[in-house]
C-alpha atoms as a PDB file:
ATOM      1  CA  MET A   1      -8.738 -69.640 -36.388  1.00  0.00           C
ATOM      2  CA  ALA A   2      -6.980 -67.411 -38.732  1.00  0.00           C
ATOM      3  CA  SER A   3      -4.169 -70.047 -38.988  1.00  0.00           C
ATOM      4  CA  GLN A   4      -6.547 -72.889 -39.459  1.00  0.00           C
ATOM      5  CA  SER A   5      -8.357 -70.804 -42.283  1.00  0.00           C
ATOM      6  CA  SER A   6      -4.887 -70.081 -43.840  1.00  0.00           C
ATOM      7  CA  ASN A   7      -3.934 -73.883 -44.070  1.00  0.00           C
ATOM      8  CA  ALA A   8      -7.603 -74.653 -45.608  1.00  0.00           C
ATOM      9  CA  GLY A   9      -7.155 -72.139 -48.018  1.00  0.00           C
ATOM     10  CA  GLY A  10      -3.633 -73.530 -49.018  1.00  0.00           C
ATOM     11  CA  ARG A  11      -5.026 -77.017 -49.136  1.00  0.00           C
ATOM     12  CA  MET A  12      -7.687 -75.867 -51.451  1.00  0.00           C
ATOM     13  CA  ARG A  13      -5.341 -74.030 -53.614  1.00  0.00           C
ATOM     14  CA  ARG A  14      -2.865 -77.094 -54.066  1.00  0.00           C
ATOM     15  CA  LEU A  15      -6.016 -79.322 -54.606  1.00  0.00           C
ATOM     16  CA  ALA A  16      -7.119 -76.964 -57.319  1.00  0.00           C
ATOM     17  CA  ILE A  17      -3.853 -77.035 -59.037  1.00  0.00           C
ATOM     18  CA  PHE A  18      -3.613 -80.683 -58.845  1.00  0.00           C
ATOM     19  CA  ILE A  19      -7.209 -80.849 -60.705  1.00  0.00           C
ATOM     20  CA  ALA A  20      -6.126 -78.522 -63.205  1.00  0.00           C
ATOM     21  CA  ALA A  21      -2.815 -80.652 -63.898  1.00  0.00           C
ATOM     22  CA  ALA A  22      -4.819 -83.858 -64.032  1.00  0.00           C
ATOM     23  CA  VAL A  23      -7.374 -82.247 -66.706  1.00  0.00           C
ATOM     24  CA  VAL A  24      -4.239 -81.333 -68.685  1.00  0.00           C
ATOM     25  CA  VAL A  25      -3.000 -84.749 -68.579  1.00  0.00           C
ATOM     26  CA  VAL A  26      -6.325 -86.207 -69.584  1.00  0.00           C
ATOM     27  CA  VAL A  27      -6.612 -83.906 -72.454  1.00  0.00           C
ATOM     28  CA  VAL A  28      -3.305 -84.313 -73.847  1.00  0.00           C
ATOM     29  CA  ALA A  29      -3.424 -88.071 -73.804  1.00  0.00           C
ATOM     30  CA  THR A  30      -6.952 -87.906 -75.401  1.00  0.00           C
ATOM     31  CA  VAL A  31      -5.440 -86.041 -78.325  1.00  0.00           C
ATOM     32  CA  ILE A  32      -2.545 -88.385 -78.547  1.00  0.00           C
ATOM     33  CA  PHE A  33      -4.808 -91.368 -78.731  1.00  0.00           C
ATOM     34  CA  VAL A  34      -7.046 -89.593 -81.164  1.00  0.00           C
ATOM     35  CA  ARG A  35      -4.090 -88.831 -83.580  1.00  0.00           C
ATOM     36  CA  SER A  36      -2.725 -92.361 -83.215  1.00  0.00           C
ATOM     37  CA  GLN A  37      -6.026 -93.880 -84.206  1.00  0.00           C
ATOM     38  CA  GLN A  38      -6.265 -91.529 -87.421  1.00  0.00           C
ATOM     39  CA  SER A  39      -2.820 -92.422 -88.173  1.00  0.00           C
ATOM     40  CA  GLY A  40      -3.495 -96.000 -88.350  1.00  0.00           C
ATOM     41  CA  GLY A  41      -5.228 -98.014 -90.731  1.00  0.00           C
ATOM     42  CA  PRO A  42      -4.631-101.036 -93.240  1.00  0.00           C
ATOM     43  CA  GLY A  43      -0.799-101.446 -93.715  1.00  0.00           C
ATOM     44  CA  GLY A  44       0.305 -98.306 -91.849  1.00  0.00           C
ATOM     45  CA  SER A  45       0.612 -96.581 -88.485  1.00  0.00           C
ATOM     46  CA  SER A  46       3.343 -94.315 -88.861  1.00  0.00           C
ATOM     47  CA  GLY A  47       1.596 -91.008 -89.422  1.00  0.00           C
ATOM     48  CA  ALA A  48      -1.316 -90.006 -91.580  1.00  0.00           C
ATOM     49  CA  ALA A  49      -0.810 -88.872 -95.206  1.00  0.00           C
ATOM     50  CA  GLN A  50      -1.062 -85.049 -95.735  1.00  0.00           C
ATOM     51  CA  GLY A  51      -4.037 -85.686 -98.167  1.00  0.00           C
ATOM     52  CA  PRO A  52      -4.086 -84.996-101.908  1.00  0.00           C
ATOM     53  CA  ARG A  53      -3.946 -81.863-103.360  1.00  0.00           C
ATOM     54  CA  LEU A  54      -5.992 -82.615-106.202  1.00  0.00           C
ATOM     55  CA  THR A  55      -9.298 -83.697-104.655  1.00  0.00           C
ATOM     56  CA  PRO A  56     -12.320 -81.659-105.760  1.00  0.00           C
ATOM     57  CA  PRO A  57     -14.036 -80.158-102.526  1.00  0.00           C
ATOM     58  CA  THR A  58     -17.513 -81.482-103.792  1.00  0.00           C
ATOM     59  CA  GLY A  59     -18.546 -83.774-106.635  1.00  0.00           C
ATOM     60  CA  ALA A  60     -15.959 -85.588-108.965  1.00  0.00           C
ATOM     61  CA  TRP A  61     -13.765 -84.978-112.014  1.00  0.00           C
ATOM     62  CA  TRP A  62     -14.751 -86.216-115.297  1.00  0.00           C
ATOM     63  CA  GLY A  63     -12.193 -88.090-117.391  1.00  0.00           C
ATOM     64  CA  MET A  64     -11.318 -90.787-119.890  1.00  0.00           C
ATOM     65  CA  TYR A  65      -8.592 -93.114-121.251  1.00  0.00           C
ATOM     66  CA  VAL A  66      -8.146 -92.444-124.886  1.00  0.00           C
ATOM     67  CA  PRO A  67      -6.084 -94.817-126.795  1.00  0.00           C
ATOM     68  CA  PRO A  68      -3.126 -93.502-128.591  1.00  0.00           C
ATOM     69  CA  PRO A  69      -3.991 -92.879-132.299  1.00  0.00           C
ATOM     70  CA  ARG A  70      -2.029 -94.705-135.109  1.00  0.00           C
ATOM     71  CA  GLU A  71      -1.730 -91.270-136.836  1.00  0.00           C
ATOM     72  CA  GLY A  72      -1.732 -87.725-135.530  1.00  0.00           C
ATOM     73  CA  THR A  73      -1.136 -86.866-131.613  1.00  0.00           C
ATOM     74  CA  LEU A  74      -3.134 -87.748-128.578  1.00  0.00           C
ATOM     75  CA  LEU A  75      -3.733 -84.324-127.935  1.00  0.00           C
ATOM     76  CA  SER A  76      -5.700 -84.021-131.118  1.00  0.00           C
ATOM     77  CA  THR A  77      -7.396 -87.307-130.363  1.00  0.00           C
ATOM     78  CA  ILE A  78      -8.660 -85.825-127.099  1.00  0.00           C
ATOM     79  CA  THR A  79      -9.668 -82.557-128.246  1.00  0.00           C
ATOM     80  CA  GLY A  80     -11.837 -84.347-130.948  1.00  0.00           C
ATOM     81  CA  VAL A  81     -13.542 -86.471-128.301  1.00  0.00           C
ATOM     82  CA  GLU A  82     -14.223 -83.277-126.368  1.00  0.00           C
ATOM     83  CA  ARG A  83     -15.818 -81.759-129.075  1.00  0.00           C
ATOM     84  CA  THR A  84     -17.967 -84.720-129.785  1.00  0.00           C
ATOM     85  CA  ILE A  85     -19.069 -84.841-125.915  1.00  0.00           C
ATOM     86  CA  GLY A  86     -19.433 -80.940-125.529  1.00  0.00           C
ATOM     87  CA  ARG A  87     -16.901 -80.332-122.731  1.00  0.00           C
ATOM     88  CA  ARG A  88     -13.283 -80.699-121.706  1.00  0.00           C
ATOM     89  CA  LEU A  89     -12.121 -83.753-119.985  1.00  0.00           C
ATOM     90  CA  ASP A  90     -10.902 -83.012-116.198  1.00  0.00           C
ATOM     91  CA  ILE A  91      -8.484 -85.777-116.334  1.00  0.00           C
ATOM     92  CA  VAL A  92      -6.738 -87.858-118.533  1.00  0.00           C
ATOM     93  CA  PHE A  93      -5.529 -91.456-118.122  1.00  0.00           C
ATOM     94  CA  THR A  94      -2.118 -92.523-119.815  1.00  0.00           C
ATOM     95  CA  TYR A  95       0.152 -95.684-119.391  1.00  0.00           C
ATOM     96  CA  HIS A  96       3.851 -96.138-119.111  1.00  0.00           C
ATOM     97  CA  ASP A  97       6.255 -98.938-118.411  1.00  0.00           C
ATOM     98  CA  MET A  98       9.650 -98.823-116.757  1.00  0.00           C
ATOM     99  CA  SER A  99      12.020 -99.318-119.623  1.00  0.00           C
ATOM    100  CA  PRO A 100      14.716 -96.616-119.862  1.00  0.00           C
ATOM    101  CA  THR A 101      13.231 -95.450-123.368  1.00  0.00           C
ATOM    102  CA  ASP A 102      10.550 -93.146-124.509  1.00  0.00           C
ATOM    103  CA  ASN A 103       7.915 -95.684-123.198  1.00  0.00           C
ATOM    104  CA  GLY A 104       9.392 -95.507-119.631  1.00  0.00           C
ATOM    105  CA  MET A 105       9.305 -91.727-119.909  1.00  0.00           C
ATOM    106  CA  LEU A 106       6.697 -90.012-117.819  1.00  0.00           C
ATOM    107  CA  LEU A 107       5.346 -86.826-119.508  1.00  0.00           C
ATOM    108  CA  LYS A 108       6.108 -88.409-122.763  1.00  0.00           C
ATOM    109  CA  ALA A 109       5.285 -86.931-126.280  1.00  0.00           C
ATOM    110  CA  ASP A 110       2.336 -84.294-126.022  1.00  0.00           C
ATOM    111  CA  GLU A 111       1.511 -85.125-122.445  1.00  0.00           C
ATOM    112  CA  PRO A 112       2.777 -81.962-121.081  1.00  0.00           C
ATOM    113  CA  GLN A 113       0.524 -79.950-123.449  1.00  0.00           C
ATOM    114  CA  ILE A 114      -2.663 -82.330-122.638  1.00  0.00           C
ATOM    115  CA  GLY A 115      -1.870 -81.632-118.748  1.00  0.00           C
ATOM    116  CA  GLU A 116      -1.817 -77.644-119.431  1.00  0.00           C
ATOM    117  CA  ASP A 117      -5.614 -77.628-119.242  1.00  0.00           C
ATOM    118  CA  ARG A 118      -6.309 -81.113-117.646  1.00  0.00           C
ATOM    119  CA  ILE A 119      -4.975 -83.491-114.790  1.00  0.00           C
ATOM    120  CA  LEU A 120      -2.675 -86.170-115.723  1.00  0.00           C
ATOM    121  CA  LEU A 121      -3.063 -89.714-114.171  1.00  0.00           C
ATOM    122  CA  LEU A 122       0.109 -91.679-115.052  1.00  0.00           C
ATOM    123  CA  SER A 123       0.158 -95.401-114.821  1.00  0.00           C
ATOM    124  CA  TRP A 124       3.477 -96.606-114.373  1.00  0.00           C
ATOM    125  CA  GLU A 125       3.513-100.214-114.991  1.00  0.00           C
ATOM    126  CA  ALA A 126       6.499-102.561-113.672  1.00  0.00           C
ATOM    127  CA  LYS A 127       7.064-104.043-117.143  1.00  0.00           C
ATOM    128  CA  VAL A 128       9.385-103.620-120.243  1.00  0.00           C
ATOM    129  CA  TRP A 129       6.868-103.940-122.929  1.00  0.00           C
ATOM    130  CA  SER A 130       9.345-104.070-126.013  1.00  0.00           C
ATOM    131  CA  GLU A 131      10.479-107.285-124.199  1.00  0.00           C
ATOM    132  CA  ASN A 132       7.060-108.527-122.885  1.00  0.00           C
ATOM    133  CA  ARG A 133       8.710-108.732-119.504  1.00  0.00           C
ATOM    134  CA  GLU A 134       7.620-108.047-115.876  1.00  0.00           C
ATOM    135  CA  ILE A 135       9.992-106.438-113.600  1.00  0.00           C
ATOM    136  CA  PRO A 136      10.689-108.192-110.231  1.00  0.00           C
ATOM    137  CA  TRP A 137       9.339-105.866-107.421  1.00  0.00           C
ATOM    138  CA  ARG A 138      12.219-106.770-105.406  1.00  0.00           C
ATOM    139  CA  GLN A 139      14.429-105.305-108.267  1.00  0.00           C
ATOM    140  CA  ILE A 140      12.710-101.914-108.096  1.00  0.00           C
ATOM    141  CA  ALA A 141      12.708-102.203-104.019  1.00  0.00           C
ATOM    142  CA  ASP A 142      16.584-102.781-103.780  1.00  0.00           C
ATOM    143  CA  GLY A 143      17.405 -99.545-105.759  1.00  0.00           C
ATOM    144  CA  SER A 144      18.611-101.532-108.908  1.00  0.00           C
ATOM    145  CA  LEU A 145      16.433 -98.982-111.241  1.00  0.00           C
ATOM    146  CA  ASP A 146      17.093 -95.778-109.427  1.00  0.00           C
ATOM    147  CA  ALA A 147      19.961 -94.309-111.761  1.00  0.00           C
ATOM    148  CA  THR A 148      18.218 -95.400-115.137  1.00  0.00           C
ATOM    149  CA  VAL A 149      14.420 -95.207-114.508  1.00  0.00           C
ATOM    150  CA  ILE A 150      13.315 -93.843-111.031  1.00  0.00           C
ATOM    151  CA  ASP A 151      15.701 -90.929-110.494  1.00  0.00           C
ATOM    152  CA  PRO A 152      15.377 -89.587-114.122  1.00  0.00           C
ATOM    153  CA  GLN A 153      11.602 -89.821-114.281  1.00  0.00           C
ATOM    154  CA  ALA A 154      11.368 -88.041-110.769  1.00  0.00           C
ATOM    155  CA  ARG A 155      13.341 -85.460-111.946  1.00  0.00           C
ATOM    156  CA  ARG A 156      11.408 -84.677-114.961  1.00  0.00           C
ATOM    157  CA  VAL A 157       8.138 -84.721-112.856  1.00  0.00           C
ATOM    158  CA  LYS A 158       9.870 -82.297-110.555  1.00  0.00           C
ATOM    159  CA  GLN A 159      10.610 -80.099-113.449  1.00  0.00           C
ATOM    160  CA  TYR A 160       7.088 -80.290-115.034  1.00  0.00           C
ATOM    161  CA  GLY A 161       5.725 -78.702-111.635  1.00  0.00           C
ATOM    162  CA  LYS A 162       2.149 -79.169-112.099  1.00  0.00           C
ATOM    163  CA  PRO A 163       0.540 -81.517-109.729  1.00  0.00           C
ATOM    164  CA  VAL A 164       0.043 -85.096-111.358  1.00  0.00           C
ATOM    165  CA  MET A 165      -1.188 -88.344-110.125  1.00  0.00           C
ATOM    166  CA  ILE A 166       0.927 -91.332-110.495  1.00  0.00           C
ATOM    167  CA  GLY A 167      -0.274 -95.081-109.931  1.00  0.00           C
ATOM    168  CA  PHE A 168       2.276 -97.788-109.586  1.00  0.00           C
ATOM    169  CA  ASP A 169       1.674-101.237-111.064  1.00  0.00           C
ATOM    170  CA  GLY A 170      -2.007-101.258-110.790  1.00  0.00           C
ATOM    171  CA  GLU A 171      -4.116-104.332-110.538  1.00  0.00           C
ATOM    172  CA  MET A 172      -1.161-105.912-108.800  1.00  0.00           C
ATOM    173  CA  GLU A 173      -3.252-108.419-107.183  1.00  0.00           C
ATOM    174  CA  ARG A 174      -3.710-110.593-110.312  1.00  0.00           C
ATOM    175  CA  LYS A 175       0.060-110.657-111.213  1.00  0.00           C
ATOM    176  CA  THR A 176       1.981-114.047-110.592  1.00  0.00           C
ATOM    177  CA  GLY A 177       5.638-113.333-111.858  1.00  0.00           C
ATOM    178  CA  SER A 178       6.422-110.026-109.918  1.00  0.00           C
ATOM    179  CA  GLY A 179       6.726-111.108-106.283  1.00  0.00           C
ATOM    180  CA  GLU A 180       4.903-111.445-103.090  1.00  0.00           C
ATOM    181  CA  PRO A 181       2.612-108.563-101.572  1.00  0.00           C
ATOM    182  CA  ALA A 182       5.776-107.602 -99.294  1.00  0.00           C
ATOM    183  CA  ASP A 183       7.914-107.149-102.362  1.00  0.00           C
ATOM    184  CA  TYR A 184       5.354-104.968-103.947  1.00  0.00           C
ATOM    185  CA  ILE A 185       4.795-102.808-100.878  1.00  0.00           C
ATOM    186  CA  ALA A 186       8.394-102.488-100.667  1.00  0.00           C
ATOM    187  CA  ALA A 187       8.672-101.315-104.161  1.00  0.00           C
ATOM    188  CA  TYR A 188       5.751 -99.044-103.868  1.00  0.00           C
ATOM    189  CA  ARG A 189       7.336 -97.366-100.782  1.00  0.00           C
ATOM    190  CA  HIS A 190      10.914 -97.096-102.371  1.00  0.00           C
ATOM    191  CA  ILE A 191       9.700 -95.046-105.406  1.00  0.00           C
ATOM    192  CA  HIS A 192       7.545 -92.992-103.175  1.00  0.00           C
ATOM    193  CA  ASP A 193      10.465 -92.062-100.899  1.00  0.00           C
ATOM    194  CA  ARG A 194      12.865 -91.845-103.727  1.00  0.00           C
ATOM    195  CA  PHE A 195      10.626 -89.056-105.125  1.00  0.00           C
ATOM    196  CA  LYS A 196      10.556 -87.440-101.804  1.00  0.00           C
ATOM    197  CA  GLU A 197      14.080 -87.641-101.447  1.00  0.00           C
ATOM    198  CA  LEU A 198      14.841 -85.855-104.521  1.00  0.00           C
ATOM    199  CA  GLY A 199      12.476 -83.091-103.764  1.00  0.00           C
ATOM    200  CA  VAL A 200       9.224 -83.887-106.027  1.00  0.00           C
ATOM    201  CA  THR A 201       6.436 -82.570-104.128  1.00  0.00           C
ATOM    202  CA  ASN A 202       3.758 -82.434-107.130  1.00  0.00           C
ATOM    203  CA  VAL A 203       2.480 -86.058-107.162  1.00  0.00           C
ATOM    204  CA  ASP A 204      -0.549 -87.430-105.715  1.00  0.00           C
ATOM    205  CA  TRP A 205       0.083 -91.211-105.152  1.00  0.00           C
ATOM    206  CA  VAL A 206      -2.622 -93.693-106.476  1.00  0.00           C
ATOM    207  CA  TRP A 207      -2.894 -97.282-105.293  1.00  0.00           C
ATOM    208  CA  ALA A 208      -5.119 -99.240-107.792  1.00  0.00           C
ATOM    209  CA  VAL A 209      -6.707-102.741-107.385  1.00  0.00           C
ATOM    210  CA  THR A 210      -8.990-104.283-109.829  1.00  0.00           C
ATOM    211  CA  GLY A 211     -11.987-103.801-107.808  1.00  0.00           C
ATOM    212  CA  TYR A 212     -13.270-107.580-108.694  1.00  0.00           C
ATOM    213  CA  GLU A 213     -14.904-108.990-105.685  1.00  0.00           C
ATOM    214  CA  GLU A 214     -12.973-112.305-105.762  1.00  0.00           C
ATOM    215  CA  TYR A 215      -9.880-110.520-105.275  1.00  0.00           C
ATOM    216  CA  GLN A 216     -10.903-108.751-101.774  1.00  0.00           C
ATOM    217  CA  SER A 217      -9.054-111.024 -99.697  1.00  0.00           C
ATOM    218  CA  LYS A 218      -5.860-109.927-101.135  1.00  0.00           C
ATOM    219  CA  TRP A 219      -6.065-106.102-101.127  1.00  0.00           C
ATOM    220  CA  LYS A 220      -5.001-105.404 -97.623  1.00  0.00           C
ATOM    221  CA  ALA A 221      -1.859-107.462 -98.250  1.00  0.00           C
ATOM    222  CA  PHE A 222      -0.711-105.228-101.023  1.00  0.00           C
ATOM    223  CA  TYR A 223      -1.613-101.811 -99.397  1.00  0.00           C
ATOM    224  CA  PRO A 224       1.511 -99.752 -98.794  1.00  0.00           C
ATOM    225  CA  GLY A 225      -0.151 -97.781 -95.872  1.00  0.00           C
ATOM    226  CA  HIS A 226      -2.259 -94.544 -95.643  1.00  0.00           C
ATOM    227  CA  GLU A 227       0.811 -92.574 -95.598  1.00  0.00           C
ATOM    228  CA  TYR A 228       1.844 -93.747 -99.085  1.00  0.00           C
ATOM    229  CA  ALA A 229      -1.361 -93.784-100.695  1.00  0.00           C
ATOM    230  CA  ASP A 230      -3.248 -90.433-101.335  1.00  0.00           C
ATOM    231  CA  TRP A 231      -5.849 -92.090-103.415  1.00  0.00           C
ATOM    232  CA  ILE A 232      -7.595 -95.501-103.899  1.00  0.00           C
ATOM    233  CA  SER A 233      -8.639 -96.703-107.239  1.00  0.00           C
ATOM    234  CA  TYR A 234     -10.250 -99.583-108.708  1.00  0.00           C
ATOM    235  CA  ASP A 235     -11.439-100.490-112.328  1.00  0.00           C
ATOM    236  CA  PRO A 236     -15.102-101.695-112.464  1.00  0.00           C
ATOM    237  CA  TYR A 237     -16.879-102.892-115.677  1.00  0.00           C
ATOM    238  CA  ASN A 238     -19.928-104.193-116.630  1.00  0.00           C
ATOM    239  CA  PHE A 239     -18.922-107.180-118.896  1.00  0.00           C
ATOM    240  CA  GLY A 240     -22.290-108.594-119.495  1.00  0.00           C
ATOM    241  CA  PRO A 241     -22.727-110.923-122.385  1.00  0.00           C
ATOM    242  CA  CYS A 242     -18.947-110.320-123.307  1.00  0.00           C
ATOM    243  CA  ARG A 243     -18.086-112.804-120.420  1.00  0.00           C
ATOM    244  CA  ASP A 244     -21.393-114.302-119.877  1.00  0.00           C
ATOM    245  CA  ALA A 245     -22.041-112.301-116.709  1.00  0.00           C
ATOM    246  CA  PRO A 246     -25.157-110.856-115.192  1.00  0.00           C
ATOM    247  CA  TRP A 247     -25.987-107.482-116.513  1.00  0.00           C
ATOM    248  CA  LYS A 248     -25.522-104.748-113.961  1.00  0.00           C
ATOM    249  CA  SER A 249     -26.291-100.888-113.794  1.00  0.00           C
ATOM    250  CA  PHE A 250     -23.736 -98.403-113.148  1.00  0.00           C
ATOM    251  CA  GLU A 251     -24.362 -98.326-109.649  1.00  0.00           C
ATOM    252  CA  GLU A 252     -24.575-102.140-109.227  1.00  0.00           C
ATOM    253  CA  THR A 253     -21.135-102.270-111.184  1.00  0.00           C
ATOM    254  CA  LEU A 254     -19.269 -99.727-108.765  1.00  0.00           C
ATOM    255  CA  LYS A 255     -21.205 -99.901-105.224  1.00  0.00           C
ATOM    256  CA  PRO A 256     -19.944-103.278-103.895  1.00  0.00           C
ATOM    257  CA  THR A 257     -16.235-102.343-104.074  1.00  0.00           C
ATOM    258  CA  TYR A 258     -17.268 -98.862-102.959  1.00  0.00           C
ATOM    259  CA  ASP A 259     -18.939-100.243 -99.907  1.00  0.00           C
ATOM    260  CA  TRP A 260     -16.051-102.467 -99.081  1.00  0.00           C
ATOM    261  CA  PHE A 261     -13.574 -99.873 -99.116  1.00  0.00           C
ATOM    262  CA  GLN A 262     -15.840 -97.695 -96.879  1.00  0.00           C
ATOM    263  CA  LYS A 263     -16.148-100.731 -94.307  1.00  0.00           C
ATOM    264  CA  ASN A 264     -12.614-101.695 -94.237  1.00  0.00           C
ATOM    265  CA  GLY A 265     -10.407 -98.883 -93.031  1.00  0.00           C
ATOM    266  CA  PHE A 266     -10.491 -96.835 -96.190  1.00  0.00           C
ATOM    267  CA  ALA A 267     -13.277 -94.529 -95.805  1.00  0.00           C
ATOM    268  CA  GLU A 268     -11.078 -91.411 -95.313  1.00  0.00           C
ATOM    269  CA  LYS A 269      -9.334 -91.753 -98.506  1.00  0.00           C
ATOM    270  CA  PRO A 270     -10.794 -90.251-101.967  1.00  0.00           C
ATOM    271  CA  ILE A 271     -11.463 -92.783-104.634  1.00  0.00           C
ATOM    272  CA  VAL A 272     -10.435 -92.366-108.352  1.00  0.00           C
ATOM    273  CA  ILE A 273     -12.282 -94.855-110.865  1.00  0.00           C
ATOM    274  CA  GLY A 274      -9.462 -95.215-112.865  1.00  0.00           C
ATOM    275  CA  GLU A 275     -11.167 -97.535-115.439  1.00  0.00           C
ATOM    276  CA  TYR A 276     -14.914 -98.198-116.157  1.00  0.00           C
ATOM    277  CA  GLY A 277     -17.339 -98.858-118.851  1.00  0.00           C
ATOM    278  CA  THR A 278     -20.096-101.211-120.165  1.00  0.00           C
ATOM    279  CA  GLU A 279     -20.357-103.698-122.917  1.00  0.00           C
ATOM    280  CA  ALA A 280     -23.609-103.575-125.108  1.00  0.00           C
ATOM    281  CA  ASP A 281     -26.257-106.156-124.720  1.00  0.00           C
ATOM    282  CA  PRO A 282     -27.270-107.274-128.327  1.00  0.00           C
ATOM    283  CA  ASP A 283     -30.926-108.069-127.004  1.00  0.00           C
ATOM    284  CA  ARG A 284     -31.596-104.752-125.682  1.00  0.00           C
ATOM    285  CA  PRO A 285     -29.967-101.978-127.894  1.00  0.00           C
ATOM    286  CA  ASP A 286     -30.653 -99.233-125.696  1.00  0.00           C
ATOM    287  CA  ALA A 287     -29.009-100.804-122.537  1.00  0.00           C
ATOM    288  CA  LYS A 288     -25.569 -99.387-122.887  1.00  0.00           C
ATOM    289  CA  ALA A 289     -26.916 -95.629-123.157  1.00  0.00           C
ATOM    290  CA  GLU A 290     -29.290 -96.387-120.030  1.00  0.00           C
ATOM    291  CA  TRP A 291     -26.330 -97.272-118.228  1.00  0.00           C
ATOM    292  CA  TYR A 292     -24.425 -94.241-118.873  1.00  0.00           C
ATOM    293  CA  ARG A 293     -27.424 -92.175-118.129  1.00  0.00           C
ATOM    294  CA  GLY A 294     -27.608 -93.589-114.668  1.00  0.00           C
ATOM    295  CA  ILE A 295     -24.118 -92.238-113.690  1.00  0.00           C
ATOM    296  CA  PRO A 296     -25.269 -88.772-112.024  1.00  0.00           C
ATOM    297  CA  ASP A 297     -27.722 -90.277-109.688  1.00  0.00           C
ATOM    298  CA  ALA A 298     -25.299 -93.155-108.860  1.00  0.00           C
ATOM    299  CA  LEU A 299     -22.402 -90.877-107.901  1.00  0.00           C
ATOM    300  CA  ALA A 300     -24.468 -89.028-105.586  1.00  0.00           C
ATOM    301  CA  LYS A 301     -24.872 -92.160-103.442  1.00  0.00           C
ATOM    302  CA  MET A 302     -21.113 -92.746-103.321  1.00  0.00           C
ATOM    303  CA  PRO A 303     -19.448 -89.266-102.275  1.00  0.00           C
ATOM    304  CA  ASN A 304     -16.012 -90.616-101.734  1.00  0.00           C
ATOM    305  CA  ILE A 305     -15.643 -90.937-105.698  1.00  0.00           C
ATOM    306  CA  LYS A 306     -13.772 -87.772-106.504  1.00  0.00           C
ATOM    307  CA  ALA A 307     -12.653 -88.739-110.150  1.00  0.00           C
ATOM    308  CA  LEU A 308     -13.669 -91.245-112.816  1.00  0.00           C
ATOM    309  CA  LEU A 309     -12.404 -92.108-115.990  1.00  0.00           C
ATOM    310  CA  GLN A 310     -14.239 -93.684-118.736  1.00  0.00           C
ATOM    311  CA  TRP A 311     -12.034 -96.478-120.599  1.00  0.00           C
ATOM    312  CA  ASN A 312     -12.792 -95.733-124.064  1.00  0.00           C
ATOM    313  CA  ALA A 313     -11.286 -98.880-125.743  1.00  0.00           C
ATOM    314  CA  VAL A 314     -11.400-102.436-126.477  1.00  0.00           C
ATOM    315  CA  LEU A 315      -9.803-104.941-123.807  1.00  0.00           C
ATOM    316  CA  GLU A 316      -6.733-106.564-125.197  1.00  0.00           C
ATOM    317  CA  ASP A 317      -7.600-110.103-124.589  1.00  0.00           C
ATOM    318  CA  GLN A 318      -9.205-113.194-126.155  1.00  0.00           C
ATOM    319  CA  ARG A 319     -12.835-112.084-125.606  1.00  0.00           C
ATOM    320  CA  GLY A 320     -11.902-108.314-126.637  1.00  0.00           C
ATOM    321  CA  CYS A 321     -14.892-106.794-124.532  1.00  0.00           C
ATOM    322  CA  ASP A 322     -15.821-103.472-126.582  1.00  0.00           C
ATOM    323  CA  PHE A 323     -16.174-100.590-123.951  1.00  0.00           C
ATOM    324  CA  ARG A 324     -16.197 -97.870-126.464  1.00  0.00           C
ATOM    325  CA  LEU A 325     -18.722 -95.068-126.494  1.00  0.00           C
ATOM    326  CA  GLN A 326     -20.472 -96.385-129.539  1.00  0.00           C
ATOM    327  CA  GLY A 327     -24.037 -97.887-130.056  1.00  0.00           C
ATOM    328  CA  PRO A 328     -27.528 -96.351-130.305  1.00  0.00           C
ATOM    329  CA  GLY A 329     -27.672 -92.920-128.209  1.00  0.00           C
ATOM    330  CA  VAL A 330     -24.493 -93.916-126.098  1.00  0.00           C
ATOM    331  CA  MET A 331     -22.303 -90.897-127.012  1.00  0.00           C
ATOM    332  CA  GLU A 332     -25.174 -88.675-126.373  1.00  0.00           C
ATOM    333  CA  ALA A 333     -25.956 -90.436-122.979  1.00  0.00           C
ATOM    334  CA  PHE A 334     -22.402 -90.250-121.904  1.00  0.00           C
ATOM    335  CA  GLY A 335     -22.253 -86.396-122.978  1.00  0.00           C
ATOM    336  CA  ALA A 336     -25.510 -85.808-120.865  1.00  0.00           C
ATOM    337  CA  ALA A 337     -23.923 -87.033-117.946  1.00  0.00           C
ATOM    338  CA  GLY A 338     -20.806 -85.246-118.255  1.00  0.00           C
ATOM    339  CA  LYS A 339     -22.703 -82.022-118.038  1.00  0.00           C
ATOM    340  CA  ASP A 340     -24.263 -82.819-114.639  1.00  0.00           C
ATOM    341  CA  ALA A 341     -23.372 -80.498-111.920  1.00  0.00           C
ATOM    342  CA  HIS A 342     -21.741 -83.256-109.806  1.00  0.00           C
ATOM    343  CA  VAL A 343     -19.049 -83.839-112.523  1.00  0.00           C
ATOM    344  CA  ASN A 344     -18.327 -80.044-113.457  1.00  0.00           C
ATOM    345  CA  GLN A 345     -15.823 -79.153-110.697  1.00  0.00           C
ATOM    346  CA  PRO A 346     -13.164 -76.577-110.640  1.00  0.00           C
ATOM    347  CA  LEU A 347      -9.633 -77.769-111.461  1.00  0.00           C
ATOM    348  CA  PRO A 348      -6.914 -76.614-109.054  1.00  0.00           C
END
């Protein structure tokens, strides 16, 4: 009886060990599966990005694109706008081409001074402005511009040291002469990887589309992958009478594209509204101010929007839609929206 009891005890111990080992296997497999699911998403599956350093924990940053002045400095123009709206901007948008000249220089002119108290969002376009020429994405992807453009700017950003946001060739889905979606992805990834190889660690990468619904079917084809894009960006405008379009509130202007991103594999990505604004309605003088007064309530319904930048300029096209903060009560409405707690978040 003692021998039989001993054998039974041994069998029970071996069974317990087997069960414990099986549990470990199941747990490990579950963890691997979950991580693989997290690292996937449109355009990429080789590992999730570490996440941007610049995302506010709650709310969103308040920013603006201010056109460079004909006289004076951009910094003085920005501080003048800030005095008018009664607060400092959190984030400022500037544009750059890829010529090996001043225009292609990231952190040019007084941008480093602007960035001392603000975040810089640098748009880097695959163009040479002085020649009105688009640079083929394949030419960027194959390293042809590394020595003259990419590497010098990577080193410049690294030396600057402060975190910046860089967007490569935004609204690419509208371009016809730069290449195919695969060429864009290869160019985007090449720039990203080149910066990484040169030890640049202070960049949050921004992937920006128009946000226009007619282009939705193209967006995923141009996406470089979650591990390459820290932020998602789009540029919603209420064109109204300027383009014979129906009038939309701030929420109606932004939310359809916002919802599309939440439902199509981008819900874990913070959103920066790189450009936004509204035209005036000549039949309703107060409509433009009302549009800006609706911003705080609308943002509360779109928590993944972590930064937004008013495009305070006139569009450079045939119709010249005017999105400047002008008109009855407009600047006051924008200033009041900018004082809402949702868009008053501490900078890093």
